[in-house]
Amino acid sequence: MPYASQILRQSNKLRSSSNLIRKDQTALLRWFSSDSRSSIDNGNHLLKSHNQGSIAGDRTGASMHSGRRFTTLLGVSNRCSVSTLGAPNMLDAPGAGLAFNRLTSCSQMQPMRCFSANSDLPPHQEIGMPSLSPTMTEGNIARWLKKEGDKVSPGEVLCEVETDKATVELECMEEGYIAKILQGDGSNSIKVGEVIAITVEEEEDIAKFKDYTPSASDTAPKAEPKEPSSPTPPKESVQKSVSSPEPSLSKPSATPASEGRIFASPVARKLAEVNNVPLSSIKGTGPDGRIVKVDVEEYLASHSKGAPAAASKVDNAIAGGIDYVDIPHSQIRKVTASRLLLSKQTIPHYYLTVDTCVDKLVELRGQLNSLVEASGGKKISINDLVIKAAALALRKVPPVNSSWTNDYIRQYTNVNINVAVQTDNGLYVPVVRDADKKGLGKISEEVKHLAQRARENSLKPEDYEGGTFTVSNLGGPFGVKQFCAIVNPPQAAILAVGSAEKRVVPGSGPDQFNFASFMSVTLSCDHRVIDGAIGAEWLKAFKGYIENPQTMLL
């Protein structure tokens, strides 16, 4: 009944405005775009889905498919336009919903996932560099597992992306064909959102993208529009945007260079970086003033006079006995460097060091390993026992298991221990979750598995995210006696573990001496979160578990 009454009221409005359709189609469009539209045909799911997809200008794949199905069901021609509306009393007719959809221009129901400046291109989807970790701003393409022309299905791996933490597999989300790969194997410093490939639905459309080049707006990171809000456009422009079969594109009012931004293709940017050429001195000839590879090459050719001088300097340096090899930064090394720099500059570090006697710990490890070997398991290391002791100490002194924010200190209930692992690509810190609740055998198994995956550069985000405390051991593998580690933000503490060494200690008598093994550990703390007394209390608890390891079993 409410829907019927609304339809009746709106019909009366139309009957009283006989010139509405003929003279003011823009007002009619705004009236039909209001919330009352959904009340007119609330039960028609296909109509509601299409209206939300095509009228609102949604360019996603979902609205494209719904638009295609709806066009097929209704048999709407691409020649439809606003003028196909019927009489003022059209809401009384059974086909009122169909008439409204013709209002939006049937050409907008084409199955297009995205829009291109080139109207000759068929429907296609642009795959951008995804953000695969919270701190990721750019990534590298390690290798493509699919090539141009291959058919892909949802769930298939397209390529391997090297993020700031690890190498992650990028999976396909929709079925189609790879028409163009814009960033090939080994492409570096690709900004998040930058287009790396094009897919199409139909195989015969692949050849049309052979010479495809993305526009500057596609390759550059999306920025907030700076154009001021304009007044309501005239009636003629609204009618044209409604009935036009081609999607309208907003074009920049000025070249990128005039706005202080320089657009360049990845190849051109890399070529300029290698030759130490500022992009601001190069004039772009690509779309919208975009700098392409040819522009950089022409610039280098025109300024080749300075090249011999630069080459002579390098030759003189080598002739003088200086030889070197430039090793490019891996993504993980760049991110590690920036995070450690941020940590040392913004976190007030202080350090607490204690020596722990590990004789009982070594004895317990030998007993446990004899049992493990009998059952066919893997041996337990000293580092596994250290991780367990650190986890139990965090549960005993929870203020250390915290992180700093500008508004509060966040204290974690889960004890997730990051374990520093050195690899050829850099330093990784995979996480052992709920280490306080796991047995030594489980901890040992997880640490070995994660360390192997780190060396293979195949860690996933869930393998290294969510840690609350870090353990770095340079004693056992490298024999380092004692060191101070840098806090791994946003955590508040990190434990640096040194090597165990034999020392002479006083015996029970005045002339008696014994030998004992001692291991030095240093706790680096964020003084904003952990006061000195709290840090000392944690070290006391940790030392108690190390020197009396049987208590870890309680």
Protein backbone atom coordinates (compact mmCIF):
# COMPACT_ATOMS: atom_id res chain seq x y z
CA MET A 1 0.00 0.00 0.00
CA PRO A 2 2.74 2.60 0.75
CA TYR A 3 4.32 1.93 -2.64
CA ALA A 4 0.96 2.26 -4.44
CA SER A 5 0.22 5.57 -2.72
CA GLN A 6 3.64 6.95 -3.66
CA ILE A 7 3.14 5.92 -7.29
CA LEU A 8 -0.25 7.62 -7.31
CA ARG A 9 1.15 10.87 -5.89
CA GLN A 10 4.00 10.96 -8.37
CA SER A 11 1.60 10.22 -11.25
CA ASN A 12 -0.52 13.20 -10.25
CA LYS A 13 2.58 15.39 -10.27
CA LEU A 14 3.38 14.27 -13.80
CA ARG A 15 -0.16 14.79 -15.05
CA SER A 16 -0.12 18.36 -13.70
CA SER A 17 3.15 19.06 -15.52
CA SER A 18 2.38 18.30 -19.15
CA ASN A 19 5.43 20.16 -20.41
CA LEU A 20 7.90 18.49 -18.03
CA ILE A 21 9.21 15.89 -20.44
CA ARG A 22 9.14 18.05 -23.52
CA LYS A 23 10.81 21.12 -22.00
CA ASP A 24 12.80 20.07 -18.97
CA GLN A 25 14.26 16.57 -19.33
CA THR A 26 17.06 17.47 -16.91
CA ALA A 27 14.62 18.08 -14.08
CA LEU A 28 12.89 14.80 -14.91
CA LEU A 29 16.20 12.99 -14.74
CA ARG A 30 16.95 14.44 -11.30
CA TRP A 31 13.44 13.53 -10.14
CA PHE A 32 13.80 9.90 -11.25
CA SER A 33 17.29 9.70 -9.68
CA SER A 34 15.85 10.37 -6.20
CA ASP A 35 15.05 7.77 -3.58
CA SER A 36 11.48 7.51 -4.85
CA ARG A 37 12.80 5.53 -7.81
CA SER A 38 13.54 2.54 -5.63
CA SER A 39 10.00 2.69 -4.18
CA ILE A 40 8.39 2.47 -7.62
CA ASP A 41 9.81 -0.88 -8.48
CA ASN A 42 11.26 -2.19 -5.21
CA GLY A 43 10.49 -5.79 -6.09
CA ASN A 44 12.39 -5.79 -9.38
CA HIS A 45 15.87 -6.92 -8.33
CA LEU A 46 17.39 -6.74 -11.79
CA LEU A 47 16.13 -3.18 -12.27
CA LYS A 48 17.46 -2.08 -8.87
CA SER A 49 20.83 -3.70 -9.57
CA HIS A 50 21.11 -2.03 -12.95
CA ASN A 51 20.07 1.40 -11.69
CA GLN A 52 22.65 1.30 -8.93
CA GLY A 53 25.35 0.20 -11.41
CA SER A 54 24.80 2.28 -14.56
CA ILE A 55 23.13 5.50 -13.31
CA ALA A 56 25.56 6.06 -10.43
CA GLY A 57 28.40 5.65 -12.89
CA ASP A 58 29.83 2.56 -11.27
CA ARG A 59 32.63 1.25 -13.45
CA THR A 60 33.26 -1.97 -11.64
CA GLY A 61 33.05 -5.42 -13.18
CA ALA A 62 29.98 -6.29 -11.13
CA SER A 63 27.88 -3.45 -12.52
CA MET A 64 29.12 -4.29 -16.02
CA HIS A 65 27.84 -7.81 -15.85
CA SER A 66 24.50 -6.80 -14.34
CA GLY A 67 24.12 -4.14 -17.06
CA ARG A 68 24.75 -6.72 -19.78
CA ARG A 69 22.21 -9.18 -18.40
CA PHE A 70 19.60 -6.48 -17.96
CA THR A 71 20.10 -5.18 -21.49
CA THR A 72 19.67 -8.70 -22.85
CA LEU A 73 16.48 -9.33 -20.89
CA LEU A 74 14.79 -6.10 -21.87
CA GLY A 75 15.98 -6.06 -25.49
CA VAL A 76 17.02 -2.45 -25.25
CA SER A 77 18.72 -0.91 -28.28
CA ASN A 78 21.80 1.27 -28.06
CA ARG A 79 19.88 3.90 -30.01
CA CYS A 80 17.64 4.60 -26.99
CA SER A 81 17.87 8.06 -25.44
CA VAL A 82 15.94 10.43 -23.25
CA SER A 83 13.48 11.13 -26.03
CA THR A 84 12.11 7.57 -25.87
CA LEU A 85 10.12 8.38 -22.74
CA GLY A 86 6.39 8.08 -23.10
CA ALA A 87 3.50 10.28 -22.07
CA PRO A 88 3.33 12.12 -18.72
CA ASN A 89 1.19 9.37 -17.26
CA MET A 90 3.82 6.72 -18.01
CA LEU A 91 3.96 5.57 -14.38
CA ASP A 92 0.47 4.20 -14.81
CA ALA A 93 1.74 1.85 -17.48
CA PRO A 94 3.15 -1.58 -16.69
CA GLY A 95 6.43 -0.72 -18.45
CA ALA A 96 7.28 2.29 -16.27
CA GLY A 97 10.47 0.72 -14.99
CA LEU A 98 11.65 -0.05 -18.55
CA ALA A 99 10.95 3.52 -19.65
CA PHE A 100 13.09 4.88 -16.81
CA ASN A 101 16.05 2.71 -17.75
CA ARG A 102 15.88 4.05 -21.27
CA LEU A 103 16.25 7.48 -19.71
CA THR A 104 19.81 6.68 -18.66
CA SER A 105 20.93 5.99 -22.25
CA CYS A 106 21.14 2.35 -23.11
CA SER A 107 24.65 2.71 -24.44
CA GLN A 108 25.85 2.99 -20.83
CA MET A 109 24.86 -0.62 -20.30
CA GLN A 110 27.76 -1.82 -22.42
CA PRO A 111 29.84 -4.43 -20.60
CA MET A 112 32.78 -2.14 -19.83
CA ARG A 113 34.86 -2.69 -16.72
CA CYS A 114 36.76 0.52 -17.23
CA PHE A 115 37.00 3.44 -19.62
CA SER A 116 39.81 4.35 -21.94
CA ALA A 117 40.76 7.54 -23.69
CA ASN A 118 40.77 5.52 -26.91
CA SER A 119 37.16 4.76 -27.79
CA ASP A 120 38.28 2.09 -30.28
CA LEU A 121 39.49 -0.23 -27.53
CA PRO A 122 37.17 -3.05 -26.50
CA PRO A 123 36.05 -3.61 -22.88
CA HIS A 124 39.06 -4.41 -20.72
CA GLN A 125 40.28 -4.47 -17.14
CA GLU A 126 43.39 -2.72 -15.87
CA ILE A 127 45.26 -4.67 -13.18
CA GLY A 128 47.11 -2.32 -10.85
CA MET A 129 49.93 -2.98 -8.42
CA PRO A 130 48.10 -4.12 -5.28
CA SER A 131 48.93 -3.11 -1.71
CA LEU A 132 49.95 -6.43 -0.21
CA SER A 133 51.13 -5.16 3.18
CA PRO A 134 50.18 -2.23 5.44
CA THR A 135 53.51 -0.46 4.85
CA MET A 136 53.78 -1.11 1.12
CA THR A 137 54.00 1.94 -1.17
CA GLU A 138 55.70 0.32 -4.16
CA GLY A 139 56.63 -3.16 -5.32
CA ASN A 140 58.65 -5.12 -7.85
CA ILE A 141 57.60 -7.77 -10.34
CA ALA A 142 59.75 -10.82 -9.62
CA ARG A 143 58.40 -12.87 -12.54
CA TRP A 144 55.22 -13.48 -14.51
CA LEU A 145 53.76 -16.97 -14.42
CA LYS A 146 51.38 -16.10 -17.28
CA LYS A 147 52.22 -14.54 -20.61
CA GLU A 148 50.31 -12.38 -23.06
CA GLY A 149 47.51 -14.31 -24.71
CA ASP A 150 47.12 -16.84 -21.90
CA LYS A 151 43.67 -17.58 -20.56
CA VAL A 152 43.29 -17.00 -16.82
CA SER A 153 40.69 -18.13 -14.33
CA PRO A 154 39.85 -16.91 -10.82
CA GLY A 155 42.39 -18.17 -8.30
CA GLU A 156 45.23 -18.69 -10.79
CA VAL A 157 48.55 -17.01 -9.99
CA LEU A 158 49.40 -14.23 -12.45
CA CYS A 159 52.80 -13.15 -11.16
CA GLU A 160 55.04 -12.93 -8.13
CA VAL A 161 55.24 -9.48 -6.53
CA GLU A 162 58.14 -8.52 -4.31
CA THR A 163 56.70 -6.34 -1.55
CA ASP A 164 58.46 -4.51 1.26
CA LYS A 165 58.33 -7.69 3.35
CA ALA A 166 58.36 -10.75 1.08
CA THR A 167 57.48 -12.13 -2.34
CA VAL A 168 53.72 -12.65 -2.66
CA GLU A 169 51.75 -14.39 -5.39
CA LEU A 170 49.19 -12.17 -7.16
CA GLU A 171 46.07 -14.15 -8.02
CA CYS A 172 43.55 -13.51 -10.78
CA MET A 173 40.10 -12.36 -9.68
CA GLU A 174 38.11 -12.80 -12.91
CA GLU A 175 38.12 -15.03 -15.96
CA GLY A 176 39.59 -13.66 -19.16
CA TYR A 177 42.73 -13.35 -21.28
CA ILE A 178 45.94 -11.42 -20.67
CA ALA A 179 46.03 -8.86 -23.47
CA LYS A 180 49.05 -6.80 -22.45
CA ILE A 181 51.77 -6.96 -19.79
CA LEU A 182 52.97 -3.42 -19.09
CA GLN A 183 55.48 -4.25 -16.36
CA GLY A 184 57.61 -7.25 -17.23
CA ASP A 185 59.87 -9.50 -15.19
CA GLY A 186 62.24 -7.57 -12.97
CA SER A 187 60.32 -4.28 -13.10
CA ASN A 188 61.23 -2.23 -10.02
CA SER A 189 59.71 0.57 -7.95
CA ILE A 190 56.16 0.21 -9.26
CA LYS A 191 53.86 2.46 -7.26
CA VAL A 192 50.77 0.96 -5.64
CA GLY A 193 47.87 1.38 -8.06
CA GLU A 194 50.05 1.70 -11.16
CA VAL A 195 48.78 -0.45 -14.06
CA ILE A 196 50.86 -3.59 -14.63
CA ALA A 197 48.66 -5.56 -17.05
CA ILE A 198 45.48 -5.51 -19.14
CA THR A 199 42.95 -8.34 -19.37
CA VAL A 200 40.02 -8.79 -21.75
CA GLU A 201 37.02 -11.09 -21.85
CA GLU A 202 37.21 -12.16 -25.48
CA GLU A 203 40.26 -13.78 -27.04
CA GLU A 204 39.86 -11.91 -30.33
CA ASP A 205 40.33 -8.60 -28.45
CA ILE A 206 43.93 -9.42 -27.48
CA ALA A 207 45.45 -8.15 -30.75
CA LYS A 208 43.86 -4.73 -30.27
CA PHE A 209 46.11 -4.07 -27.27
CA LYS A 210 49.39 -4.85 -29.01
CA ASP A 211 50.46 -1.20 -29.04
CA TYR A 212 48.50 -0.16 -25.96
CA THR A 213 50.11 2.50 -23.79
CA PRO A 214 48.42 3.59 -20.57
CA SER A 215 47.70 7.26 -20.10
CA ALA A 216 49.44 9.32 -17.46
CA SER A 217 46.40 9.08 -15.20
CA ASP A 218 46.62 5.28 -15.36
CA THR A 219 50.31 4.96 -14.56
CA ALA A 220 50.52 7.66 -11.92
CA PRO A 221 49.19 7.12 -8.38
CA LYS A 222 45.68 8.37 -7.99
CA ALA A 223 45.56 11.81 -6.37
CA GLU A 224 42.76 13.84 -4.95
CA PRO A 225 41.23 16.15 -7.57
CA LYS A 226 42.22 19.78 -7.10
CA GLU A 227 39.51 21.27 -9.31
CA PRO A 228 37.12 23.57 -7.47
CA SER A 229 33.49 22.62 -7.31
CA SER A 230 31.70 23.97 -10.38
CA PRO A 231 28.11 25.18 -10.51
CA THR A 232 25.33 23.01 -11.89
CA PRO A 233 26.02 22.42 -15.60
CA PRO A 234 23.59 23.73 -18.17
CA LYS A 235 20.67 21.67 -19.32
CA GLU A 236 22.24 20.90 -22.70
CA SER A 237 25.42 19.43 -21.16
CA VAL A 238 23.42 17.14 -18.87
CA GLN A 239 21.37 15.87 -21.79
CA LYS A 240 24.54 15.21 -23.77
CA SER A 241 26.17 13.28 -20.92
CA VAL A 242 23.04 11.19 -20.50
CA SER A 243 22.51 10.26 -24.12
CA SER A 244 26.10 10.09 -25.32
CA PRO A 245 27.18 6.52 -26.12
CA GLU A 246 30.80 7.26 -25.15
CA PRO A 247 31.91 7.64 -21.52
CA SER A 248 33.07 11.12 -20.70
CA LEU A 249 36.57 11.60 -19.36
CA SER A 250 37.77 14.46 -17.22
CA LYS A 251 40.87 16.00 -18.79
CA PRO A 252 43.39 17.97 -16.79
CA SER A 253 43.18 21.68 -17.28
CA ALA A 254 46.94 21.96 -17.21
CA THR A 255 49.90 19.79 -17.95
CA PRO A 256 51.35 17.76 -15.10
CA ALA A 257 54.51 19.81 -15.13
CA SER A 258 52.54 23.00 -14.52
CA GLU A 259 51.02 21.49 -11.39
CA GLY A 260 54.40 20.53 -9.96
CA ARG A 261 54.01 16.85 -10.83
CA ILE A 262 56.03 15.05 -13.46
CA PHE A 263 54.51 12.03 -15.20
CA ALA A 264 56.85 9.55 -16.82
CA SER A 265 56.69 5.94 -17.88
CA PRO A 266 58.50 3.43 -15.63
CA VAL A 267 61.09 2.75 -18.34
CA ALA A 268 61.76 6.45 -18.84
CA ARG A 269 61.96 7.07 -15.10
CA LYS A 270 64.43 4.21 -14.65
CA LEU A 271 66.55 5.32 -17.61
CA ALA A 272 66.71 8.86 -16.26
CA GLU A 273 67.63 7.61 -12.80
CA VAL A 274 70.47 5.44 -14.14
CA ASN A 275 71.92 8.37 -16.09
CA ASN A 276 71.37 10.89 -13.25
CA VAL A 277 69.09 13.04 -15.38
CA PRO A 278 66.42 15.13 -13.61
CA LEU A 279 63.00 14.54 -15.13
CA SER A 280 62.17 18.22 -14.74
CA SER A 281 64.70 19.07 -17.47
CA ILE A 282 63.09 16.73 -20.00
CA LYS A 283 60.09 17.74 -22.09
CA GLY A 284 57.58 14.94 -22.51
CA THR A 285 55.99 14.11 -25.84
CA GLY A 286 53.64 11.39 -24.63
CA PRO A 287 49.94 11.71 -23.80
CA ASP A 288 49.25 14.82 -21.69
CA GLY A 289 52.94 15.71 -21.67
CA ARG A 290 54.04 12.37 -20.24
CA ILE A 291 57.77 11.61 -20.50
CA VAL A 292 58.47 8.42 -22.44
CA LYS A 293 61.64 6.47 -23.15
CA VAL A 294 62.29 8.28 -26.46
CA ASP A 295 62.30 11.65 -24.68
CA VAL A 296 65.02 10.53 -22.29
CA GLU A 297 67.10 9.02 -25.07
CA GLU A 298 66.87 12.22 -27.12
CA TYR A 299 67.87 14.26 -24.08
CA LEU A 300 70.89 12.03 -23.47
CA ALA A 301 71.89 12.25 -27.13
CA SER A 302 71.65 16.06 -27.14
CA HIS A 303 73.68 16.32 -23.92
CA SER A 304 76.27 13.72 -24.81
CA LYS A 305 79.06 16.28 -24.60
CA GLY A 306 79.17 15.95 -20.84
CA ALA A 307 79.32 12.16 -20.98
CA PRO A 308 83.03 11.81 -21.75
CA ALA A 309 83.91 13.96 -18.74
CA ALA A 310 81.82 11.80 -16.44
CA ALA A 311 83.30 8.67 -17.96
CA SER A 312 86.81 10.01 -17.52
CA LYS A 313 86.19 10.55 -13.81
CA VAL A 314 85.13 6.96 -13.41
CA ASP A 315 88.11 5.76 -15.42
CA ASN A 316 90.47 7.85 -13.29
CA ALA A 317 88.96 6.44 -10.11
CA ILE A 318 89.40 2.88 -11.34
CA ALA A 319 92.88 3.67 -12.60
CA GLY A 320 93.72 5.02 -9.16
CA GLY A 321 93.10 1.62 -7.62
CA ILE A 322 89.45 2.11 -6.61
CA ASP A 323 87.20 -0.64 -7.84
CA TYR A 324 83.62 -1.28 -6.81
CA VAL A 325 80.38 -3.07 -7.61
CA ASP A 326 76.98 -1.37 -7.27
CA ILE A 327 74.45 -3.72 -5.70
CA PRO A 328 70.86 -2.56 -6.20
CA HIS A 329 68.66 -2.36 -3.13
CA SER A 330 66.13 -5.11 -2.66
CA GLN A 331 62.67 -4.05 -1.59
CA ILE A 332 63.00 -5.64 1.86
CA ARG A 333 66.36 -3.94 2.45
CA LYS A 334 64.99 -0.50 1.57
CA VAL A 335 62.02 -0.90 3.90
CA THR A 336 64.17 -2.31 6.70
CA ALA A 337 66.51 0.66 6.38
CA SER A 338 63.70 3.19 6.54
CA ARG A 339 62.03 1.50 9.53
CA LEU A 340 65.27 1.20 11.49
CA LEU A 341 66.13 4.82 10.76
CA LEU A 342 62.68 5.85 11.96
CA SER A 343 63.13 3.73 15.09
CA LYS A 344 66.49 5.24 16.08
CA GLN A 345 65.33 8.78 15.35
CA THR A 346 61.95 8.68 17.07
CA ILE A 347 62.15 6.00 19.79
CA PRO A 348 64.07 6.78 22.99
CA HIS A 349 66.12 3.60 23.39
CA TYR A 350 67.74 2.38 26.54
CA TYR A 351 69.48 -0.95 27.16
CA LEU A 352 69.58 -3.47 29.99
CA THR A 353 72.08 -6.36 30.00
CA VAL A 354 72.27 -9.44 32.22
CA ASP A 355 74.37 -12.60 32.21
CA THR A 356 72.42 -15.85 32.56
CA CYS A 357 73.87 -19.21 33.52
CA VAL A 358 72.76 -21.74 30.91
CA ASP A 359 74.20 -24.96 32.35
CA LYS A 360 70.81 -26.31 33.38
CA LEU A 361 69.31 -25.11 30.11
CA VAL A 362 71.90 -27.01 28.07
CA GLU A 363 71.35 -30.11 30.20
CA LEU A 364 67.58 -29.96 29.71
CA ARG A 365 68.04 -29.47 25.97
CA GLY A 366 70.17 -32.62 25.78
CA GLN A 367 67.52 -34.65 27.61
CA LEU A 368 64.73 -33.35 25.40
CA ASN A 369 66.66 -33.96 22.18
CA SER A 370 67.31 -37.56 23.14
CA LEU A 371 63.56 -38.03 23.45
CA VAL A 372 62.89 -36.15 20.22
CA GLU A 373 65.41 -38.18 18.24
CA ALA A 374 63.88 -41.40 19.50
CA SER A 375 60.50 -40.29 18.15
CA GLY A 376 61.93 -39.10 14.82
CA GLY A 377 61.44 -35.38 15.44
CA LYS A 378 63.74 -32.43 14.90
CA LYS A 379 66.17 -31.23 17.54
CA ILE A 380 65.34 -28.35 19.84
CA SER A 381 67.81 -25.44 19.74
CA ILE A 382 68.88 -23.03 22.45
CA ASN A 383 67.06 -20.32 20.50
CA ASP A 384 63.80 -22.27 20.79
CA LEU A 385 64.21 -22.34 24.57
CA VAL A 386 65.01 -18.60 24.57
CA ILE A 387 61.81 -17.87 22.61
CA LYS A 388 59.75 -19.91 25.07
CA ALA A 389 61.36 -18.20 28.08
CA ALA A 390 60.78 -14.74 26.52
CA ALA A 391 57.13 -15.55 25.84
CA LEU A 392 56.53 -16.73 29.42
CA ALA A 393 58.29 -13.63 30.78
CA LEU A 394 56.00 -11.44 28.65
CA ARG A 395 52.99 -13.19 30.10
CA LYS A 396 54.41 -12.64 33.59
CA VAL A 397 55.28 -8.95 32.97
CA PRO A 398 52.64 -7.82 30.42
CA PRO A 399 53.62 -4.09 30.27
CA VAL A 400 56.60 -5.09 28.12
CA ASN A 401 54.20 -6.70 25.62
CA SER A 402 52.94 -3.29 24.48
CA SER A 403 53.31 -0.57 21.88
CA TRP A 404 53.14 3.20 21.88
CA THR A 405 50.53 5.42 20.21
CA ASN A 406 50.02 9.16 20.53
CA ASP A 407 46.82 8.68 22.53
CA TYR A 408 47.43 5.54 24.57
CA ILE A 409 49.66 2.55 25.27
CA ARG A 410 48.29 -0.61 23.70
CA GLN A 411 48.95 -3.72 25.80
CA TYR A 412 48.55 -6.99 23.92
CA THR A 413 46.95 -10.11 25.30
CA ASN A 414 48.53 -12.33 22.64
CA VAL A 415 52.23 -13.11 22.89
CA ASN A 416 53.53 -13.23 19.31
CA ILE A 417 57.30 -13.47 19.02
CA ASN A 418 59.10 -12.24 15.89
CA VAL A 419 62.34 -14.12 15.19
CA ALA A 420 65.03 -12.28 13.21
CA VAL A 421 66.28 -14.33 10.24
CA GLN A 422 69.17 -13.19 8.03
CA THR A 423 68.89 -14.01 4.31
CA ASP A 424 70.65 -13.02 1.11
CA ASN A 425 67.85 -10.53 0.39
CA GLY A 426 67.94 -8.87 3.80
CA LEU A 427 66.56 -9.27 7.31
CA TYR A 428 63.19 -10.98 7.82
CA VAL A 429 61.26 -11.32 11.07
CA PRO A 430 58.65 -14.12 10.77
CA VAL A 431 56.32 -14.46 13.74
CA VAL A 432 55.56 -17.38 16.07
CA ARG A 433 52.04 -16.71 17.29
CA ASP A 434 50.94 -17.48 20.86
CA ALA A 435 54.41 -18.72 21.73
CA ASP A 436 53.53 -18.78 25.44
CA LYS A 437 50.88 -21.43 24.79
CA LYS A 438 52.94 -23.71 22.52
CA GLY A 439 55.30 -26.50 23.45
CA LEU A 440 58.98 -26.48 22.61
CA GLY A 441 58.51 -29.03 19.84
CA LYS A 442 55.89 -26.89 18.12
CA ILE A 443 57.99 -23.73 18.48
CA SER A 444 61.03 -25.50 17.04
CA GLU A 445 59.04 -26.80 14.07
CA GLU A 446 57.53 -23.39 13.26
CA VAL A 447 60.82 -21.51 13.56
CA LYS A 448 62.61 -23.89 11.19
CA HIS A 449 59.74 -23.79 8.70
CA LEU A 450 59.49 -19.97 8.74
CA ALA A 451 63.26 -19.54 8.49
CA GLN A 452 63.34 -21.77 5.43
CA ARG A 453 60.54 -19.84 3.76
CA ALA A 454 62.31 -16.57 4.57
CA ARG A 455 65.48 -17.78 2.86
CA GLU A 456 63.38 -18.81 -0.13
CA ASN A 457 61.75 -15.37 -0.14
CA SER A 458 58.29 -16.96 -0.02
CA LEU A 459 56.85 -15.58 3.22
CA LYS A 460 53.23 -14.41 3.15
CA PRO A 461 51.98 -11.34 5.03
CA GLU A 462 50.42 -13.48 7.74
CA ASP A 463 53.85 -15.03 8.36
CA TYR A 464 55.46 -11.80 9.56
CA GLU A 465 52.64 -9.42 10.62
CA GLY A 466 51.18 -9.11 14.11
CA GLY A 467 54.29 -9.59 16.25
CA THR A 468 54.42 -8.02 19.73
CA PHE A 469 58.07 -8.71 20.70
CA THR A 470 61.24 -9.60 18.79
CA VAL A 471 64.16 -11.94 19.53
CA SER A 472 67.44 -11.47 17.66
CA ASN A 473 70.11 -14.11 18.23
CA LEU A 474 73.64 -13.47 16.96
CA GLY A 475 75.31 -15.67 19.57
CA GLY A 476 74.64 -19.21 18.48
CA PRO A 477 75.00 -18.76 14.69
CA PHE A 478 77.78 -16.14 14.68
CA GLY A 479 79.47 -16.22 18.10
CA VAL A 480 78.74 -12.58 18.96
CA LYS A 481 79.27 -12.11 22.68
CA GLN A 482 76.91 -9.18 23.29
CA PHE A 483 75.14 -6.50 21.20
CA CYS A 484 72.32 -3.95 21.36
CA ALA A 485 69.46 -4.38 18.89
CA ILE A 486 67.21 -1.65 17.48
CA VAL A 487 63.55 -1.76 18.51
CA ASN A 488 61.26 -3.07 15.78
CA PRO A 489 58.38 -0.55 15.62
CA PRO A 490 55.59 -0.49 16.63
CA GLN A 491 56.86 -2.89 19.31
CA ALA A 492 58.37 -1.54 22.51
CA ALA A 493 61.22 -4.01 23.11
CA ILE A 494 63.62 -6.41 21.44
CA LEU A 495 65.91 -9.00 23.03
CA ALA A 496 69.48 -9.36 21.73
CA VAL A 497 70.95 -12.78 22.54
CA GLY A 498 74.71 -13.31 22.63
CA SER A 499 76.80 -16.47 22.72
CA ALA A 500 77.41 -18.71 25.71
CA GLU A 501 80.95 -18.89 27.05
CA LYS A 502 82.72 -20.71 29.83
CA ARG A 503 83.68 -18.64 32.84
CA VAL A 504 85.40 -19.30 36.13
CA VAL A 505 83.11 -18.74 39.09
CA PRO A 506 83.81 -18.95 42.84
CA GLY A 507 83.07 -22.28 44.51
CA SER A 508 81.75 -23.05 47.98
CA GLY A 509 85.18 -22.83 49.63
CA PRO A 510 87.64 -19.92 49.75
CA ASP A 511 90.07 -21.63 47.39
CA GLN A 512 87.55 -23.44 45.22
CA PHE A 513 86.61 -22.44 41.71
CA ASN A 514 84.14 -23.88 39.24
CA PHE A 515 83.38 -23.47 35.56
CA ALA A 516 79.97 -22.38 34.29
CA SER A 517 78.49 -21.28 30.93
CA PHE A 518 77.03 -17.78 30.79
CA MET A 519 74.99 -16.15 28.05
CA SER A 520 74.68 -12.37 27.79
CA VAL A 521 71.31 -10.94 26.77
CA THR A 522 70.44 -7.26 26.22
CA LEU A 523 66.92 -5.87 26.30
CA SER A 524 66.40 -2.75 24.17
CA CYS A 525 63.37 -0.80 25.41
CA ASP A 526 61.21 2.10 24.28
CA HIS A 527 61.32 4.39 27.31
CA ARG A 528 57.93 5.89 26.43
CA VAL A 529 56.33 2.52 27.15
CA ILE A 530 58.69 0.62 29.43
CA ASP A 531 60.23 2.27 32.46
CA GLY A 532 63.61 1.06 33.66
CA ALA A 533 62.15 -0.82 36.62
CA ILE A 534 59.65 -2.64 34.35
CA GLY A 535 62.42 -3.64 31.96
CA ALA A 536 64.53 -4.92 34.87
CA GLU A 537 61.58 -6.89 36.20
CA TRP A 538 61.10 -8.56 32.83
CA LEU A 539 64.79 -9.47 32.62
CA LYS A 540 64.61 -10.94 36.11
CA ALA A 541 61.68 -13.14 35.04
CA PHE A 542 63.47 -14.16 31.84
CA LYS A 543 66.66 -15.03 33.72
CA GLY A 544 64.66 -17.14 36.15
CA TYR A 545 63.23 -19.25 33.33
CA ILE A 546 66.66 -19.64 31.67
CA GLU A 547 68.52 -20.63 34.83
CA ASN A 548 65.70 -22.89 36.03
CA PRO A 549 64.23 -24.20 32.79
CA GLN A 550 62.06 -26.79 34.56
CA THR A 551 59.78 -23.90 35.58
CA MET A 552 58.84 -23.40 31.92
CA LEU A 553 57.05 -26.76 32.08
CA LEU A 554 54.79 -25.67 34.93
